[in-house]
Amino acid sequence: MSDGMRLLPWNGPDGKPCHLSTDESDGYLSELADDMEAAQLDTAEEVLRHTTELLNGSAEATARELRFCVHRLCEALRDVLRIAESRGGRVT
């Protein structure tokens, strides 16, 4: 969406994607979205690092631990894909 519409890194109350109509990249909501994207990317890195440590650890990972990591990895991947879509839509 390169027509001034920015995909935000959160959904609306109905679960549908939110978009911000603006030509300003330094407005309050744009900066809030930038901060949220940065936090989501940091979280994705942390989850990936933790999962890698769990899989490479000397102890056998339990099914519960692996299931927890898979859920968190899915959440992180969903966030990262949304960020990529949003940033791709803003490339001129």
Protein backbone atom coordinates (compact mmCIF):
# COMPACT_ATOMS: atom_id res chain seq x y z
CA MET A 1 0.00 0.00 0.00
CA SER A 2 2.14 2.83 -1.22
CA ASP A 3 -0.67 5.43 -1.37
CA GLY A 4 0.04 6.84 2.09
CA MET A 5 -1.45 3.80 3.85
CA ARG A 6 0.77 2.06 6.39
CA LEU A 7 0.02 -1.40 7.74
CA LEU A 8 0.32 -1.11 11.51
CA PRO A 9 1.94 -3.84 13.63
CA TRP A 10 -1.30 -4.62 15.48
CA ASN A 11 -4.84 -5.65 14.67
CA GLY A 12 -8.00 -3.72 15.37
CA PRO A 13 -10.56 -4.80 17.97
CA ASP A 14 -12.28 -6.99 15.36
CA GLY A 15 -9.01 -8.81 14.59
CA LYS A 16 -8.63 -7.19 11.19
CA PRO A 17 -5.44 -5.40 10.10
CA CYS A 18 -5.14 -1.70 10.94
CA HIS A 19 -3.84 0.87 8.50
CA LEU A 20 -2.67 4.40 9.09
CA SER A 21 -3.36 6.98 6.42
CA THR A 22 -0.54 9.49 6.56
CA ASP A 23 2.22 11.06 4.54
CA GLU A 24 4.16 11.85 7.71
CA SER A 25 6.76 9.39 8.96
CA ASP A 26 7.34 11.31 12.18
CA GLY A 27 3.76 11.54 13.48
CA TYR A 28 2.80 10.10 16.86
CA LEU A 29 1.18 6.91 15.51
CA SER A 30 3.99 6.34 13.02
CA GLU A 31 6.57 6.60 15.80
CA LEU A 32 4.48 4.33 18.04
CA ALA A 33 4.30 1.78 15.20
CA ASP A 34 8.08 2.05 14.67
CA ASP A 35 8.66 1.39 18.38
CA MET A 36 6.26 -1.56 18.34
CA GLU A 37 7.98 -3.05 15.28
CA ALA A 38 11.37 -2.70 16.99
CA ALA A 39 10.03 -4.45 20.09
CA GLN A 40 8.52 -7.23 17.97
CA LEU A 41 11.81 -7.77 16.12
CA ASP A 42 13.71 -7.85 19.43
CA THR A 43 11.24 -10.41 20.77
CA ALA A 44 11.62 -12.54 17.65
CA GLU A 45 15.40 -12.55 18.10
CA GLU A 46 15.06 -13.49 21.74
CA VAL A 47 12.61 -16.33 21.02
CA LEU A 48 14.86 -17.65 18.24
CA ARG A 49 17.92 -17.51 20.51
CA HIS A 50 16.09 -19.29 23.34
CA THR A 51 14.76 -21.99 21.01
CA THR A 52 18.20 -22.54 19.49
CA GLU A 53 19.71 -22.89 22.97
CA LEU A 54 16.96 -25.35 23.93
CA LEU A 55 17.54 -27.47 20.82
CA ASN A 56 21.34 -27.38 21.15
CA GLY A 57 21.33 -27.98 24.91
CA SER A 58 22.75 -31.11 26.43
CA ALA A 59 19.47 -31.96 28.18
CA GLU A 60 16.57 -33.46 26.29
CA ALA A 61 13.88 -30.84 25.60
CA THR A 62 10.44 -31.83 26.83
CA ALA A 63 7.39 -31.85 24.57
CA ARG A 64 5.91 -29.04 26.65
CA GLU A 65 9.03 -26.87 26.21
CA LEU A 66 9.09 -27.52 22.46
CA ARG A 67 5.37 -26.80 22.10
CA PHE A 68 5.83 -23.51 23.99
CA CYS A 69 8.72 -22.55 21.69
CA VAL A 70 6.76 -23.44 18.56
CA HIS A 71 3.86 -21.23 19.68
CA ARG A 72 6.19 -18.31 20.40
CA LEU A 73 8.05 -18.83 17.10
CA CYS A 74 4.71 -18.75 15.21
CA GLU A 75 3.77 -15.51 16.94
CA ALA A 76 7.16 -13.99 16.17
CA LEU A 77 7.05 -15.11 12.53
CA ARG A 78 3.57 -13.64 12.13
CA ASP A 79 4.84 -10.32 13.50
CA VAL A 80 7.96 -10.32 11.32
CA LEU A 81 5.92 -11.09 8.19
CA ARG A 82 3.56 -8.21 8.99
CA ILE A 83 6.55 -5.89 9.46
CA ALA A 84 8.01 -7.02 6.13
CA GLU A 85 4.69 -6.42 4.39
CA SER A 86 4.36 -2.99 5.98
CA ARG A 87 7.90 -1.92 5.12
CA GLY A 88 7.62 -3.35 1.61
CA GLY A 89 4.48 -1.28 1.08
CA ARG A 90 6.36 1.88 2.07
CA VAL A 91 9.32 1.35 -0.28
CA THR A 92 9.24 3.87 -3.09
